[in-house]
Amino acid sequence: MAEESPKFIIPEVFQVSRGEFGDQLGLIWELVKAPLIVPLLQLGVYICLTMSLMLFMERLYMGVVIILVKLFFKKPDKRYKWESLQEDEESGNSDFPVVLIQIPMFNEREVYKVSIGAVSNLSWPADRLVIQVLDDSTDPEIKQMVEQECQRWASKGVNIRYQIRENRGGYKAGALRDGLKKGYVKHCQYVAMFDADFQPDPDFLKRSIPFLVHNPEIALVQARWRFVNADECLLTRMQEMSLDYHFTVEQEVGSSTHAFFGFNGTAGIWRIAAINEAGGWKDRTTVEDMDLAVRCSLRGWKFLYLGDLHVKSELPSTFKAFRYQQHRWSCGPANLFRKMVMEIVRNKKVRFWKKVYVIYSFFFVRKIIAHMVTFWFYCVVLPLTILVPEVQVPIWGAVYIPSIITILNSVGTPRSIHLLFYWILFENVMSLHRTKATLIGLLGAGRANEWVVTEKLGNTLQKNADAAKNKTSVKTARRPRFKFTDRINKLELGFAAFLFLCGCYDFVHGKNNYFVYLFLQTVTFFITGIGYVGTIIPSS
């Protein structure tokens, strides 16, 4: 006789059929939904609509001001005193101020020659220029290559100094701070900064320095970034659209209205006296550039943005590098806001309305609200209202306001207007990481002070493209390859599953046809979740 399999005795109170279990869950859901879920979700809708209106008013204000600036405002060289600096037969180059150039680096194997070569070719008297290569590299081979490149230019008569530190204390801010302490810097009046992938044109100093020389109230002259690899793939095109709005609108408005705009960390020239007066470089956040700009502004210094002065640079072309960059750019401002808000409020050297502009417009709306409303409203609250039809979202909040904001954001890059729809979906995905980073910065938690240098590939990919066009047989370098498991982003895949379920529910039971958006957003989250967003080549 076969042995009977052991049986587990379950109390009768727990012996419920699957149908009865589902009925009990449905009953619990109905009991909880009306008194708890619906009010909380309705509150979430009201909060998101309020944030949307705040962002809408900010974008509308920016749009109106930039139109007035383009139509009626004078060019910077007409608004400020500007005279070209010339050599004098008697005094020689003495009319040219001594300028320090700082190039911070960290394991920049692919691009270290780019900025060193560009800066060494600046058309400025050699005896009035000091170049500082601040190399924090941890790879001995790269350090040797950078030092040899500096020696090569020094042999040509360029006054270039190769500086290393014993540790990376303070990261970029620490390197810049230590560089200014060198004895040979004391006679320098201005300092220009370029990251390792930035390539200023030879006339960069001749076009920018006169603003500082002839206008003693100006502390900073900021140039615009231009991207050499914007057409590389869909990822770089999306970045170009976001950054072009920043440079075309936000920086221009802040400069033209004398309100405030932040230093971009590179492609700018500072008056060293202003840096010293503001307390020098600080490494309390990962946005040391913004930190310095706020402190200088609170002491009454003015900043000037030159939109027609372009400096070539590189965009991150891998999604991993882009995510790390966006974490730093989102977490840092929120963390700085937390640390400086009361200092701004108590400041007595600037006008009340300027403090309002810095706190509300620059920090709160652009650095906090802009990230959070995109994520919470379109990736969380709106999908949840599909599951709870008792909560309604007005059409103006779900469609009209976001559409206007999107159109206003697109004015910076008209050549990419056909990619606007893809940009919306991609920005919604990135809002997940920006919101997470913003909360970390506001709370000063976990990765608040994490600094990961953005990976740069230099002209490696351009060489590949040129070789492909010419159909040459020359062997070219390849884009770094990653294992499939290294590409997987679980957070994006999780939201892809959530939005897919909400889309399916709306397709079966919904009335607003949100499933069209939800399925498209699901695809975008899925593509980024498997890490292939940077491999898609855009159509021109």
Protein backbone atom coordinates (compact mmCIF):
# COMPACT_ATOMS: atom_id res chain seq x y z
CA MET A 1 0.00 0.00 0.00
CA ALA A 2 1.46 3.36 -1.04
CA GLU A 3 2.29 5.77 1.71
CA GLU A 4 0.02 8.77 1.93
CA SER A 5 1.68 12.14 1.49
CA PRO A 6 1.76 14.20 4.69
CA LYS A 7 -1.06 16.69 5.12
CA PHE A 8 -0.80 20.10 6.74
CA ILE A 9 -3.64 20.95 9.03
CA ILE A 10 -4.86 24.55 8.48
CA PRO A 11 -7.32 26.11 10.91
CA GLU A 12 -10.79 26.48 9.43
CA VAL A 13 -10.72 30.24 9.96
CA PHE A 14 -7.89 30.46 7.38
CA GLN A 15 -9.35 27.94 4.94
CA VAL A 16 -10.67 30.35 2.31
CA SER A 17 -11.12 29.61 -1.35
CA ARG A 18 -9.45 31.74 -3.96
CA GLY A 19 -12.76 33.32 -4.91
CA GLU A 20 -13.56 34.18 -1.32
CA PHE A 21 -10.03 35.62 -0.84
CA GLY A 22 -10.50 37.87 -3.85
CA ASP A 23 -13.89 38.96 -2.53
CA GLN A 24 -12.33 39.82 0.84
CA LEU A 25 -9.60 41.90 -0.82
CA GLY A 26 -12.24 43.72 -2.85
CA LEU A 27 -14.25 44.38 0.30
CA ILE A 28 -11.18 45.72 2.15
CA TRP A 29 -10.38 47.94 -0.86
CA GLU A 30 -13.91 49.38 -0.89
CA LEU A 31 -13.83 49.98 2.86
CA VAL A 32 -10.47 51.79 2.68
CA LYS A 33 -10.96 53.61 -0.62
CA ALA A 34 -13.69 56.11 0.28
CA PRO A 35 -12.40 57.37 3.65
CA LEU A 36 -8.64 57.17 2.94
CA ILE A 37 -7.48 56.54 -0.64
CA VAL A 38 -9.76 59.01 -2.42
CA PRO A 39 -9.01 62.01 -0.13
CA LEU A 40 -5.27 61.35 -0.22
CA LEU A 41 -5.20 61.01 -3.99
CA GLN A 42 -7.40 64.08 -4.42
CA LEU A 43 -4.96 66.01 -2.23
CA GLY A 44 -2.12 64.75 -4.40
CA VAL A 45 -3.94 66.04 -7.50
CA TYR A 46 -4.41 69.49 -5.93
CA ILE A 47 -0.73 69.67 -4.93
CA CYS A 48 0.41 68.62 -8.41
CA LEU A 49 -1.92 71.12 -10.09
CA THR A 50 -0.53 73.87 -7.85
CA MET A 51 3.04 72.93 -8.76
CA SER A 52 2.09 72.83 -12.45
CA LEU A 53 0.68 76.34 -12.24
CA MET A 54 3.84 77.55 -10.48
CA LEU A 55 6.02 76.07 -13.21
CA PHE A 56 3.69 77.42 -15.90
CA MET A 57 3.89 80.97 -14.53
CA GLU A 58 7.68 80.68 -14.33
CA ARG A 59 7.97 79.51 -17.93
CA LEU A 60 5.51 82.16 -19.10
CA TYR A 61 7.48 84.88 -17.31
CA MET A 62 10.70 83.62 -18.87
CA GLY A 63 9.09 83.55 -22.29
CA VAL A 64 7.79 87.12 -22.06
CA VAL A 65 11.11 88.47 -20.77
CA ILE A 66 13.21 86.73 -23.42
CA ILE A 67 10.99 88.17 -26.17
CA LEU A 68 11.45 91.66 -24.71
CA VAL A 69 15.19 91.08 -24.42
CA LYS A 70 15.49 90.01 -28.06
CA LEU A 71 13.33 92.89 -29.32
CA PHE A 72 14.33 95.85 -27.19
CA PHE A 73 17.44 95.17 -25.08
CA LYS A 74 20.86 96.27 -26.24
CA LYS A 75 23.70 93.84 -26.78
CA PRO A 76 26.08 93.34 -23.83
CA ASP A 77 28.82 95.45 -25.44
CA LYS A 78 26.29 98.33 -25.67
CA ARG A 79 24.90 97.92 -22.16
CA TYR A 80 28.35 97.75 -20.57
CA LYS A 81 31.57 99.55 -21.29
CA TRP A 82 33.65 97.49 -23.70
CA GLU A 83 36.89 98.42 -25.43
CA SER A 84 39.25 96.06 -27.18
CA LEU A 85 42.62 95.61 -25.48
CA GLN A 86 45.55 96.51 -27.72
CA GLU A 87 49.31 96.34 -27.49
CA ASP A 88 50.98 99.70 -26.87
CA GLU A 89 54.32 100.57 -28.47
CA GLU A 90 55.60 102.13 -25.24
CA SER A 91 54.04 99.96 -22.55
CA GLY A 92 53.96 96.75 -24.59
CA ASN A 93 51.55 94.20 -23.10
CA SER A 94 51.07 95.95 -19.76
CA ASP A 95 47.47 96.89 -20.66
CA PHE A 96 46.62 93.19 -20.77
CA PRO A 97 45.78 91.83 -17.30
CA VAL A 98 47.42 88.62 -16.14
CA VAL A 99 44.93 85.79 -16.54
CA LEU A 100 45.02 82.38 -14.89
CA ILE A 101 43.50 79.41 -16.72
CA GLN A 102 42.49 76.41 -14.59
CA ILE A 103 41.77 72.99 -16.11
CA PRO A 104 40.63 70.46 -13.46
CA MET A 105 41.05 66.83 -14.53
CA PHE A 106 40.37 63.34 -13.22
CA ASN A 107 41.41 60.33 -15.32
CA GLU A 108 40.55 62.15 -18.58
CA ARG A 109 42.28 59.70 -20.93
CA GLU A 110 40.17 60.51 -23.99
CA VAL A 111 40.02 64.31 -23.76
CA TYR A 112 43.01 65.59 -21.81
CA LYS A 113 44.64 66.95 -24.97
CA VAL A 114 41.51 68.81 -26.03
CA SER A 115 41.38 71.56 -23.42
CA ILE A 116 45.16 71.82 -22.96
CA GLY A 117 45.64 72.34 -26.69
CA ALA A 118 42.76 74.81 -27.02
CA VAL A 119 43.87 76.90 -24.03
CA SER A 120 47.51 76.89 -25.14
CA ASN A 121 46.41 78.41 -28.46
CA LEU A 122 44.50 81.34 -26.93
CA SER A 123 45.49 84.62 -28.57
CA TRP A 124 46.74 86.38 -25.44
CA PRO A 125 50.25 87.68 -24.66
CA ALA A 126 52.29 84.72 -23.42
CA ASP A 127 53.78 86.71 -20.55
CA ARG A 128 50.26 87.64 -19.32
CA LEU A 129 48.86 84.10 -19.25
CA VAL A 130 49.32 81.30 -16.70
CA ILE A 131 47.82 77.86 -17.40
CA GLN A 132 47.21 75.48 -14.52
CA VAL A 133 46.41 71.82 -15.15
CA LEU A 134 44.95 70.52 -11.87
CA ASP A 135 45.24 66.76 -12.24
CA ASP A 136 43.56 64.61 -9.58
CA SER A 137 43.93 61.43 -11.65
CA THR A 138 44.39 58.16 -9.79
CA ASP A 139 45.68 56.25 -12.84
CA PRO A 140 49.51 56.61 -12.99
CA GLU A 141 49.53 56.06 -16.75
CA ILE A 142 47.06 58.90 -17.35
CA LYS A 143 48.94 61.19 -14.99
CA GLN A 144 52.12 60.56 -16.95
CA MET A 145 50.39 61.29 -20.26
CA VAL A 146 48.89 64.56 -18.96
CA GLU A 147 52.24 65.67 -17.55
CA GLN A 148 54.01 64.91 -20.84
CA GLU A 149 51.38 66.93 -22.72
CA CYS A 150 52.01 69.88 -20.40
CA GLN A 151 55.77 69.55 -20.93
CA ARG A 152 55.25 69.48 -24.69
CA TRP A 153 53.43 72.82 -24.63
CA ALA A 154 55.90 74.28 -22.13
CA SER A 155 58.71 73.51 -24.58
CA LYS A 156 56.90 75.75 -27.07
CA GLY A 157 57.02 78.71 -24.71
CA VAL A 158 53.60 78.30 -23.08
CA ASN A 159 53.51 79.15 -19.36
CA ILE A 160 51.78 75.97 -18.24
CA ARG A 161 52.00 74.33 -14.80
CA TYR A 162 51.16 70.74 -13.99
CA GLN A 163 49.72 70.44 -10.45
CA ILE A 164 48.84 67.31 -8.51
CA ARG A 165 47.59 66.76 -4.96
CA GLU A 166 48.16 64.05 -2.41
CA ASN A 167 44.41 63.40 -2.16
CA ARG A 168 41.14 64.43 -3.82
CA GLY A 169 39.83 66.33 -0.82
CA GLY A 170 36.98 68.59 -1.87
CA TYR A 171 36.99 67.09 -5.39
CA LYS A 172 36.81 69.83 -8.05
CA ALA A 173 36.29 72.64 -5.53
CA GLY A 174 39.33 71.46 -3.57
CA ALA A 175 41.49 71.39 -6.69
CA LEU A 176 40.42 74.91 -7.76
CA ARG A 177 40.92 76.22 -4.21
CA ASP A 178 44.40 74.76 -3.91
CA GLY A 179 45.32 76.07 -7.33
CA LEU A 180 44.53 79.65 -6.30
CA LYS A 181 46.87 79.33 -3.31
CA LYS A 182 49.99 78.87 -5.43
CA GLY A 183 52.54 81.66 -5.12
CA TYR A 184 52.75 82.35 -8.84
CA VAL A 185 49.00 83.10 -8.91
CA LYS A 186 49.17 86.18 -6.65
CA HIS A 187 49.73 88.59 -9.55
CA CYS A 188 46.76 87.17 -11.55
CA GLN A 189 43.61 89.31 -11.63
CA TYR A 190 41.20 86.94 -13.37
CA VAL A 191 40.76 83.19 -13.60
CA ALA A 192 39.09 81.30 -16.44
CA MET A 193 37.95 77.69 -15.94
CA PHE A 194 37.50 74.95 -18.49
CA ASP A 195 36.62 71.31 -17.90
CA ALA A 196 38.74 68.76 -19.70
CA ASP A 197 36.40 68.43 -22.71
CA PHE A 198 35.94 72.19 -23.32
CA GLN A 199 37.58 73.90 -26.29
CA PRO A 200 37.58 77.72 -26.24
CA ASP A 201 38.26 79.55 -29.50
CA PRO A 202 41.51 81.55 -29.73
CA ASP A 203 39.71 84.89 -29.29
CA PHE A 204 37.85 83.80 -26.13
CA LEU A 205 39.80 86.01 -23.72
CA LYS A 206 39.91 89.02 -26.06
CA ARG A 207 36.11 88.99 -26.30
CA SER A 208 35.37 88.44 -22.61
CA ILE A 209 38.13 90.02 -20.49
CA PRO A 210 37.34 93.64 -21.54
CA PHE A 211 33.95 93.38 -19.78
CA LEU A 212 35.75 92.64 -16.50
CA VAL A 213 38.49 95.23 -17.06
CA HIS A 214 36.15 98.14 -17.82
CA ASN A 215 33.27 97.22 -15.48
CA PRO A 216 34.56 96.73 -11.92
CA GLU A 217 31.12 95.69 -10.62
CA ILE A 218 31.12 92.51 -12.74
CA ALA A 219 32.48 89.38 -11.03
CA LEU A 220 31.72 86.73 -13.65
CA VAL A 221 31.47 86.47 -17.41
CA GLN A 222 29.80 83.21 -18.48
CA ALA A 223 29.99 81.84 -22.04
CA ARG A 224 27.54 79.50 -23.73
CA TRP A 225 28.20 75.80 -24.27
CA ARG A 226 28.05 74.28 -27.73
CA PHE A 227 28.08 70.52 -28.18
CA VAL A 228 30.34 68.75 -30.66
CA ASN A 229 28.48 65.44 -30.34
CA ALA A 230 24.86 66.63 -30.22
CA ASP A 231 23.96 64.57 -33.30
CA GLU A 232 25.57 61.38 -32.04
CA CYS A 233 22.39 59.68 -30.82
CA LEU A 234 18.92 60.32 -29.48
CA LEU A 235 20.27 60.64 -25.93
CA THR A 236 22.55 63.55 -26.87
CA ARG A 237 19.78 65.23 -28.87
CA MET A 238 17.51 65.13 -25.82
CA GLN A 239 20.23 66.65 -23.67
CA GLU A 240 20.83 69.39 -26.21
CA MET A 241 17.15 70.38 -26.09
CA SER A 242 17.18 70.72 -22.31
CA LEU A 243 20.48 72.59 -22.11
CA ASP A 244 19.70 74.92 -25.00
CA TYR A 245 16.63 76.17 -23.13
CA HIS A 246 18.82 76.77 -20.09
CA PHE A 247 21.35 78.82 -22.07
CA THR A 248 18.95 80.50 -24.49
CA VAL A 249 16.34 81.53 -21.94
CA GLU A 250 17.23 81.05 -18.27
CA GLN A 251 20.78 82.41 -18.38
CA GLU A 252 19.87 85.22 -20.76
CA VAL A 253 16.93 86.36 -18.62
CA GLY A 254 18.94 86.27 -15.39
CA SER A 255 21.75 88.30 -16.95
CA SER A 256 19.61 90.84 -18.81
CA THR A 257 17.39 91.66 -15.83
CA HIS A 258 20.34 91.77 -13.37
CA ALA A 259 18.41 89.24 -11.28
CA PHE A 260 20.65 86.19 -10.85
CA PHE A 261 22.00 83.27 -12.82
CA GLY A 262 24.29 80.48 -11.71
CA PHE A 263 27.84 79.85 -12.81
CA ASN A 264 27.92 76.73 -15.00
CA GLY A 265 31.20 75.50 -13.52
CA THR A 266 33.18 75.89 -16.74
CA ALA A 267 33.61 78.21 -19.73
CA GLY A 268 33.50 81.24 -17.44
CA ILE A 269 35.90 83.91 -16.17
CA TRP A 270 35.93 85.15 -12.58
CA ARG A 271 37.41 88.21 -10.96
CA ILE A 272 39.70 86.64 -8.34
CA ALA A 273 38.99 89.47 -5.89
CA ALA A 274 35.27 88.53 -5.99
CA ILE A 275 36.05 84.87 -5.28
CA ASN A 276 38.17 85.86 -2.28
CA GLU A 277 35.57 88.29 -0.96
CA ALA A 278 32.87 85.61 -1.12
CA GLY A 279 34.99 83.18 0.91
CA GLY A 280 36.60 81.17 -1.89
CA TRP A 281 35.65 77.74 -3.15
CA LYS A 282 33.65 75.51 -0.78
CA ASP A 283 33.05 71.80 -1.07
CA ARG A 284 29.96 71.50 1.13
CA THR A 285 27.85 70.41 -1.89
CA THR A 286 28.47 68.90 -5.32
CA VAL A 287 27.61 72.23 -7.01
CA GLU A 288 30.56 74.32 -5.89
CA ASP A 289 30.01 76.58 -8.91
CA MET A 290 26.46 77.50 -7.89
CA ASP A 291 27.54 77.87 -4.27
CA LEU A 292 30.17 80.47 -5.20
CA ALA A 293 27.77 82.31 -7.53
CA VAL A 294 25.12 82.67 -4.82
CA ARG A 295 27.62 83.91 -2.25
CA CYS A 296 29.07 86.47 -4.69
CA SER A 297 25.61 87.64 -5.66
CA LEU A 298 24.68 88.17 -2.01
CA ARG A 299 27.64 90.53 -1.74
CA GLY A 300 26.34 92.70 -4.56
CA TRP A 301 28.48 91.48 -7.45
CA LYS A 302 26.97 91.37 -10.95
CA PHE A 303 27.23 88.57 -13.50
CA LEU A 304 27.22 88.80 -17.29
CA TYR A 305 26.16 86.08 -19.70
CA LEU A 306 27.46 86.24 -23.29
CA GLY A 307 25.14 84.14 -25.41
CA ASP A 308 27.13 84.75 -28.59
CA LEU A 309 30.42 83.58 -27.05
CA HIS A 310 30.45 79.81 -27.62
CA VAL A 311 32.74 77.15 -26.19
CA LYS A 312 32.67 73.66 -27.65
CA SER A 313 32.14 70.76 -25.27
CA GLU A 314 30.90 67.17 -25.08
CA LEU A 315 27.61 65.69 -23.90
CA PRO A 316 27.49 62.34 -22.04
CA SER A 317 26.83 59.69 -24.68
CA THR A 318 26.10 56.77 -22.34
CA PHE A 319 22.99 56.56 -20.19
CA LYS A 320 24.99 55.55 -17.13
CA ALA A 321 27.19 58.66 -17.36
CA PHE A 322 24.14 60.85 -17.96
CA ARG A 323 22.34 59.46 -14.90
CA TYR A 324 25.32 60.18 -12.65
CA GLN A 325 25.56 63.71 -14.04
CA GLN A 326 21.85 64.38 -13.52
CA HIS A 327 22.05 63.06 -9.96
CA ARG A 328 24.79 65.58 -9.18
CA TRP A 329 23.02 68.43 -10.96
CA SER A 330 19.72 67.73 -9.15
CA CYS A 331 20.97 66.75 -5.71
CA GLY A 332 23.53 69.55 -5.40
CA PRO A 333 21.17 72.54 -5.87
CA ALA A 334 18.61 71.07 -3.47
CA ASN A 335 21.31 70.47 -0.87
CA LEU A 336 22.69 73.98 -1.37
CA PHE A 337 19.19 75.45 -1.02
CA ARG A 338 18.77 73.64 2.30
CA LYS A 339 22.06 75.04 3.57
CA MET A 340 21.77 78.60 2.25
CA VAL A 341 18.09 79.57 2.37
CA MET A 342 18.30 81.31 5.76
CA GLU A 343 21.58 82.99 4.79
CA ILE A 344 19.80 84.44 1.76
CA VAL A 345 16.82 85.56 3.86
CA ARG A 346 19.02 87.33 6.42
CA ASN A 347 21.24 89.03 3.84
CA LYS A 348 21.04 92.84 3.91
CA LYS A 349 23.25 93.74 0.95
CA VAL A 350 20.82 92.88 -1.86
CA ARG A 351 17.29 94.03 -2.63
CA PHE A 352 14.26 92.19 -1.27
CA TRP A 353 13.02 91.26 -4.74
CA LYS A 354 16.38 89.78 -5.69
CA LYS A 355 16.21 87.52 -2.64
CA VAL A 356 12.68 86.50 -3.66
CA TYR A 357 13.92 85.74 -7.18
CA VAL A 358 16.82 83.60 -5.94
CA ILE A 359 14.76 81.67 -3.37
CA TYR A 360 11.50 81.23 -5.24
CA SER A 361 12.32 81.34 -8.95
CA PHE A 362 15.90 80.09 -9.17
CA PHE A 363 15.90 77.47 -6.43
CA PHE A 364 12.34 76.47 -5.48
CA VAL A 365 10.61 76.41 -8.87
CA ARG A 366 13.46 75.52 -11.24
CA LYS A 367 15.55 73.24 -9.03
CA ILE A 368 12.85 71.52 -6.96
CA ILE A 369 9.31 71.95 -8.31
CA ALA A 370 10.29 71.41 -11.97
CA HIS A 371 11.66 67.93 -11.18
CA MET A 372 8.99 66.81 -8.75
CA VAL A 373 5.84 67.85 -10.58
CA THR A 374 6.89 65.99 -13.73
CA PHE A 375 7.47 62.76 -11.85
CA TRP A 376 4.70 62.81 -9.25
CA PHE A 377 1.98 64.10 -11.55
CA TYR A 378 2.59 62.17 -14.78
CA CYS A 379 4.25 59.03 -13.47
CA VAL A 380 2.43 58.48 -10.17
CA VAL A 381 -0.70 60.53 -9.47
CA LEU A 382 -2.25 60.56 -12.95
CA PRO A 383 -1.86 56.77 -13.43
CA LEU A 384 -3.32 56.16 -9.96
CA THR A 385 -6.44 58.22 -10.77
CA ILE A 386 -7.20 55.61 -13.42
CA LEU A 387 -7.46 52.99 -10.69
CA VAL A 388 -9.55 55.35 -8.56
CA PRO A 389 -12.06 56.92 -11.00
CA GLU A 390 -13.71 58.91 -8.18
CA VAL A 391 -10.74 61.28 -8.39
CA GLN A 392 -10.91 63.57 -11.40
CA VAL A 393 -8.06 65.52 -13.04
CA PRO A 394 -9.20 68.61 -14.97
CA ILE A 395 -8.29 68.60 -18.64
CA TRP A 396 -6.44 71.92 -18.33
CA GLY A 397 -4.12 70.40 -15.75
CA ALA A 398 -3.57 67.09 -17.53
CA VAL A 399 -3.17 68.40 -21.10
CA TYR A 400 -3.27 72.15 -21.71
CA ILE A 401 -0.81 73.45 -19.12
CA PRO A 402 1.82 70.72 -19.81
CA SER A 403 1.51 71.31 -23.56
CA ILE A 404 2.22 75.04 -23.19
CA ILE A 405 5.15 74.38 -20.85
CA THR A 406 6.59 71.90 -23.34
CA ILE A 407 6.26 74.32 -26.25
CA LEU A 408 7.98 77.05 -24.22
CA ASN A 409 10.79 74.64 -23.35
CA SER A 410 11.38 73.85 -27.02
CA VAL A 411 12.21 77.38 -28.15
CA GLY A 412 15.91 76.88 -27.43
CA THR A 413 16.36 74.15 -30.06
CA PRO A 414 14.04 74.74 -33.04
CA ARG A 415 15.99 72.28 -35.19
CA SER A 416 14.82 69.44 -32.92
CA ILE A 417 11.13 70.37 -32.83
CA HIS A 418 10.30 67.07 -34.57
CA LEU A 419 11.79 65.22 -31.58
CA LEU A 420 9.62 67.05 -29.06
CA PHE A 421 7.35 64.10 -28.37
CA TYR A 422 10.31 61.80 -27.66
CA TRP A 423 11.81 64.51 -25.44
CA ILE A 424 8.64 64.65 -23.31
CA LEU A 425 8.67 60.91 -22.69
CA PHE A 426 12.41 60.90 -21.97
CA GLU A 427 12.17 63.84 -19.56
CA ASN A 428 9.42 62.04 -17.68
CA VAL A 429 11.77 59.10 -17.20
CA MET A 430 14.63 61.32 -16.05
CA SER A 431 12.31 63.13 -13.64
CA LEU A 432 12.29 59.90 -11.61
CA HIS A 433 16.04 60.21 -10.96
CA ARG A 434 15.96 63.97 -10.56
CA THR A 435 13.18 63.73 -7.98
CA LYS A 436 15.06 61.05 -6.09
CA ALA A 437 18.26 63.13 -6.16
CA THR A 438 16.38 66.29 -5.13
CA LEU A 439 14.89 64.56 -2.08
CA ILE A 440 18.33 63.22 -1.14
CA GLY A 441 19.72 66.75 -1.39
CA LEU A 442 16.91 68.33 0.63
CA LEU A 443 17.30 65.74 3.37
CA GLY A 444 21.10 65.66 3.22
CA ALA A 445 20.93 61.88 3.08
CA GLY A 446 22.88 59.01 1.50
CA ARG A 447 24.45 60.12 -1.77
CA ALA A 448 24.05 63.87 -1.13
CA ASN A 449 27.79 64.47 -1.48
CA GLU A 450 28.55 61.76 -4.03
CA TRP A 451 30.80 62.98 -6.83
CA VAL A 452 31.20 60.85 -9.94
CA VAL A 453 33.12 62.46 -12.81
CA THR A 454 31.10 62.37 -16.04
CA GLU A 455 32.62 59.90 -18.50
CA LYS A 456 33.86 61.52 -21.72
CA LEU A 457 34.72 59.80 -24.99
CA GLY A 458 36.34 62.72 -26.83
CA ASN A 459 36.40 62.44 -30.63
CA THR A 460 36.52 58.65 -30.63
CA LEU A 461 32.97 58.33 -31.89
CA GLN A 462 33.43 61.13 -34.42
CA LYS A 463 36.38 59.27 -35.90
CA ASN A 464 34.19 56.20 -36.24
CA ALA A 465 31.50 58.23 -37.98
CA ASP A 466 33.96 59.84 -40.37
CA ALA A 467 35.48 56.47 -41.20
CA ALA A 468 32.02 55.05 -41.90
CA LYS A 469 31.14 57.96 -44.20
CA ASN A 470 34.37 57.62 -46.11
CA LYS A 471 34.06 53.83 -46.06
CA THR A 472 37.68 53.51 -45.09
CA SER A 473 39.24 50.33 -43.83
CA VAL A 474 41.06 52.12 -41.04
CA LYS A 475 40.52 50.41 -37.73
CA THR A 476 38.83 52.82 -35.32
CA ALA A 477 38.20 52.80 -31.61
CA ARG A 478 34.91 51.49 -30.40
CA ARG A 479 32.40 52.71 -27.91
CA PRO A 480 33.03 51.08 -24.54
CA ARG A 481 30.98 47.92 -24.21
CA PHE A 482 29.04 46.89 -21.15
CA LYS A 483 27.59 43.59 -20.02
CA PHE A 484 23.83 43.36 -20.40
CA THR A 485 23.45 42.96 -16.64
CA ASP A 486 25.34 46.24 -16.15
CA ARG A 487 22.77 47.99 -18.32
CA ILE A 488 19.74 46.86 -16.33
CA ASN A 489 18.05 49.65 -14.32
CA LYS A 490 15.54 48.04 -11.98
CA LEU A 491 13.82 51.26 -10.97
CA GLU A 492 12.87 52.10 -14.56
CA LEU A 493 11.70 48.54 -15.21
CA GLY A 494 9.56 48.65 -12.08
CA PHE A 495 7.82 51.83 -13.21
CA ALA A 496 7.42 50.37 -16.69
CA ALA A 497 5.46 47.47 -15.16
CA PHE A 498 3.37 49.84 -13.02
CA LEU A 499 2.45 52.09 -15.95
CA PHE A 500 1.71 49.09 -18.15
CA LEU A 501 -0.77 47.70 -15.61
CA CYS A 502 -2.43 51.12 -15.28
CA GLY A 503 -2.60 51.38 -19.07
CA CYS A 504 -4.22 47.96 -19.37
CA TYR A 505 -6.79 48.87 -16.72
CA ASP A 506 -7.58 52.15 -18.50
CA PHE A 507 -7.89 50.35 -21.84
CA VAL A 508 -10.52 48.02 -20.36
CA HIS A 509 -12.35 50.30 -17.89
CA GLY A 510 -11.18 53.88 -18.49
CA LYS A 511 -12.98 56.74 -20.26
CA ASN A 512 -10.21 59.28 -20.87
CA ASN A 513 -7.99 57.21 -23.20
CA TYR A 514 -4.94 57.77 -21.00
CA PHE A 515 -3.73 54.31 -22.02
CA VAL A 516 -2.23 55.78 -25.21
CA TYR A 517 0.15 57.94 -23.16
CA LEU A 518 0.71 55.21 -20.57
CA PHE A 519 1.74 52.58 -23.10
CA LEU A 520 4.14 54.99 -24.83
CA GLN A 521 5.61 55.99 -21.47
CA THR A 522 5.89 52.31 -20.59
CA VAL A 523 8.00 51.71 -23.70
CA THR A 524 10.27 54.63 -22.79
CA PHE A 525 10.76 53.38 -19.23
CA PHE A 526 11.45 49.90 -20.57
CA ILE A 527 14.07 51.11 -23.08
CA THR A 528 15.89 53.08 -20.40
CA GLY A 529 15.43 50.17 -18.01
CA ILE A 530 17.48 47.91 -20.27
CA GLY A 531 20.00 50.72 -20.84
CA TYR A 532 19.76 51.14 -24.61
CA VAL A 533 18.56 54.74 -24.84
CA GLY A 534 22.01 56.00 -25.86
CA THR A 535 22.26 53.68 -28.87
CA ILE A 536 19.35 55.11 -30.86
CA ILE A 537 20.42 57.41 -33.70
CA PRO A 538 18.00 60.31 -34.34
CA SER A 539 16.62 61.14 -37.76
CA SER A 540 17.63 64.57 -38.98
